[in-house]
Amino acid sequence: MYLCFILIPVIALLIWLFFVCIKTGRIDKKKSCWLLALGVIVCFVLYSLYCPYAKTVIPAIIFISLIAYIVMMLKV
């Protein structure tokens, strides 16, 4: 059960770091930025397997990350 509470900040941190890679333009140069996206996918899979309320939280996380992506791109 504690895994659910640990995965939420980990997913948020990985999504934020991935957006920073996109904004700084390092996404094409470094493969480590693509590993961040893979980490987000793995965390989402773990979250959907181990957390009973994942069907309601995962769409909310995706929606919030889309808003964060739009805000980061508008700050250019």
C-alpha atoms as a PDB file:
ATOM      1  CA  MET A   1       0.000   0.000   0.000  1.00  0.00           C
ATOM      2  CA  TYR A   2       2.898   2.357   0.697  1.00  0.00           C
ATOM      3  CA  LEU A   3       4.123   1.780  -2.838  1.00  0.00           C
ATOM      4  CA  CYS A   4       1.154   3.796  -4.096  1.00  0.00           C
ATOM      5  CA  PHE A   5       2.168   6.828  -2.059  1.00  0.00           C
ATOM      6  CA  ILE A   6       5.804   6.526  -3.134  1.00  0.00           C
ATOM      7  CA  LEU A   7       5.000   6.202  -6.834  1.00  0.00           C
ATOM      8  CA  ILE A   8       3.000   9.434  -7.070  1.00  0.00           C
ATOM      9  CA  PRO A   9       5.935  11.806  -6.361  1.00  0.00           C
ATOM     10  CA  VAL A  10       8.277   9.606  -8.407  1.00  0.00           C
ATOM     11  CA  ILE A  11       5.966   9.845 -11.423  1.00  0.00           C
ATOM     12  CA  ALA A  12       5.612  13.608 -10.962  1.00  0.00           C
ATOM     13  CA  LEU A  13       9.388  14.045 -10.711  1.00  0.00           C
ATOM     14  CA  LEU A  14      10.066  11.939 -13.810  1.00  0.00           C
ATOM     15  CA  ILE A  15       7.445  13.812 -15.838  1.00  0.00           C
ATOM     16  CA  TRP A  16       8.888  17.160 -14.729  1.00  0.00           C
ATOM     17  CA  LEU A  17      12.446  16.099 -15.623  1.00  0.00           C
ATOM     18  CA  PHE A  18      11.257  14.886 -19.034  1.00  0.00           C
ATOM     19  CA  PHE A  19       9.611  18.243 -19.714  1.00  0.00           C
ATOM     20  CA  VAL A  20      12.802  20.022 -18.669  1.00  0.00           C
ATOM     21  CA  CYS A  21      14.713  17.897 -21.205  1.00  0.00           C
ATOM     22  CA  ILE A  22      12.223  18.849 -23.905  1.00  0.00           C
ATOM     23  CA  LYS A  23      12.359  22.548 -23.053  1.00  0.00           C
ATOM     24  CA  THR A  24      16.152  22.738 -22.935  1.00  0.00           C
ATOM     25  CA  GLY A  25      16.479  20.900 -26.230  1.00  0.00           C
ATOM     26  CA  ARG A  26      18.552  18.048 -24.845  1.00  0.00           C
ATOM     27  CA  ILE A  27      15.991  15.465 -25.901  1.00  0.00           C
ATOM     28  CA  ASP A  28      17.748  14.832 -29.222  1.00  0.00           C
ATOM     29  CA  LYS A  29      21.255  14.730 -27.812  1.00  0.00           C
ATOM     30  CA  LYS A  30      20.905  12.562 -24.724  1.00  0.00           C
ATOM     31  CA  LYS A  31      19.450   9.116 -24.446  1.00  0.00           C
ATOM     32  CA  SER A  32      19.007   9.631 -20.710  1.00  0.00           C
ATOM     33  CA  CYS A  33      16.070  11.932 -21.445  1.00  0.00           C
ATOM     34  CA  TRP A  34      14.319   9.100 -23.247  1.00  0.00           C
ATOM     35  CA  LEU A  35      14.972   6.864 -20.250  1.00  0.00           C
ATOM     36  CA  LEU A  36      12.923   9.328 -18.200  1.00  0.00           C
ATOM     37  CA  ALA A  37       9.939   8.662 -20.460  1.00  0.00           C
ATOM     38  CA  LEU A  38      10.495   4.924 -20.081  1.00  0.00           C
ATOM     39  CA  GLY A  39      10.621   5.396 -16.309  1.00  0.00           C
ATOM     40  CA  VAL A  40       7.274   7.176 -16.371  1.00  0.00           C
ATOM     41  CA  ILE A  41       5.727   4.308 -18.332  1.00  0.00           C
ATOM     42  CA  VAL A  42       7.143   1.715 -15.928  1.00  0.00           C
ATOM     43  CA  CYS A  43       5.859   3.691 -12.936  1.00  0.00           C
ATOM     44  CA  PHE A  44       2.404   3.940 -14.522  1.00  0.00           C
ATOM     45  CA  VAL A  45       2.358   0.164 -15.064  1.00  0.00           C
ATOM     46  CA  LEU A  46       3.429  -0.487 -11.467  1.00  0.00           C
ATOM     47  CA  TYR A  47       0.866   2.008 -10.249  1.00  0.00           C
ATOM     48  CA  SER A  48      -1.947   0.384 -12.198  1.00  0.00           C
ATOM     49  CA  LEU A  49      -0.966  -3.071 -10.928  1.00  0.00           C
ATOM     50  CA  TYR A  50      -0.509  -2.338  -7.232  1.00  0.00           C
ATOM     51  CA  CYS A  51      -2.868   0.532  -6.464  1.00  0.00           C
ATOM     52  CA  PRO A  52      -6.599  -0.129  -6.204  1.00  0.00           C
ATOM     53  CA  TYR A  53      -7.640   3.434  -7.065  1.00  0.00           C
ATOM     54  CA  ALA A  54      -5.391   3.742 -10.115  1.00  0.00           C
ATOM     55  CA  LYS A  55      -8.261   4.022 -12.587  1.00  0.00           C
ATOM     56  CA  THR A  56      -9.215   7.400 -11.172  1.00  0.00           C
ATOM     57  CA  VAL A  57      -5.776   8.776 -10.357  1.00  0.00           C
ATOM     58  CA  ILE A  58      -3.890   7.946 -13.579  1.00  0.00           C
ATOM     59  CA  PRO A  59      -6.132  10.082 -15.835  1.00  0.00           C
ATOM     60  CA  ALA A  60      -5.770  12.937 -13.343  1.00  0.00           C
ATOM     61  CA  ILE A  61      -1.973  12.632 -13.429  1.00  0.00           C
ATOM     62  CA  ILE A  62      -2.010  12.604 -17.228  1.00  0.00           C
ATOM     63  CA  PHE A  63      -4.256  15.682 -17.313  1.00  0.00           C
ATOM     64  CA  ILE A  64      -2.063  17.570 -14.836  1.00  0.00           C
ATOM     65  CA  SER A  65       1.064  16.639 -16.787  1.00  0.00           C
ATOM     66  CA  LEU A  66      -0.499  17.939 -20.003  1.00  0.00           C
ATOM     67  CA  ILE A  67      -1.253  21.235 -18.290  1.00  0.00           C
ATOM     68  CA  ALA A  68       2.325  21.383 -16.993  1.00  0.00           C
ATOM     69  CA  TYR A  69       3.644  20.669 -20.489  1.00  0.00           C
ATOM     70  CA  ILE A  70       1.586  23.498 -21.992  1.00  0.00           C
ATOM     71  CA  VAL A  71       2.697  25.912 -19.264  1.00  0.00           C
ATOM     72  CA  MET A  72       6.372  25.018 -19.776  1.00  0.00           C
ATOM     73  CA  MET A  73       6.109  25.470 -23.524  1.00  0.00           C
ATOM     74  CA  LEU A  74       4.424  28.868 -23.134  1.00  0.00           C
ATOM     75  CA  LYS A  75       7.270  30.134 -20.931  1.00  0.00           C
ATOM     76  CA  VAL A  76       9.616  30.231 -23.939  1.00  0.00           C
END
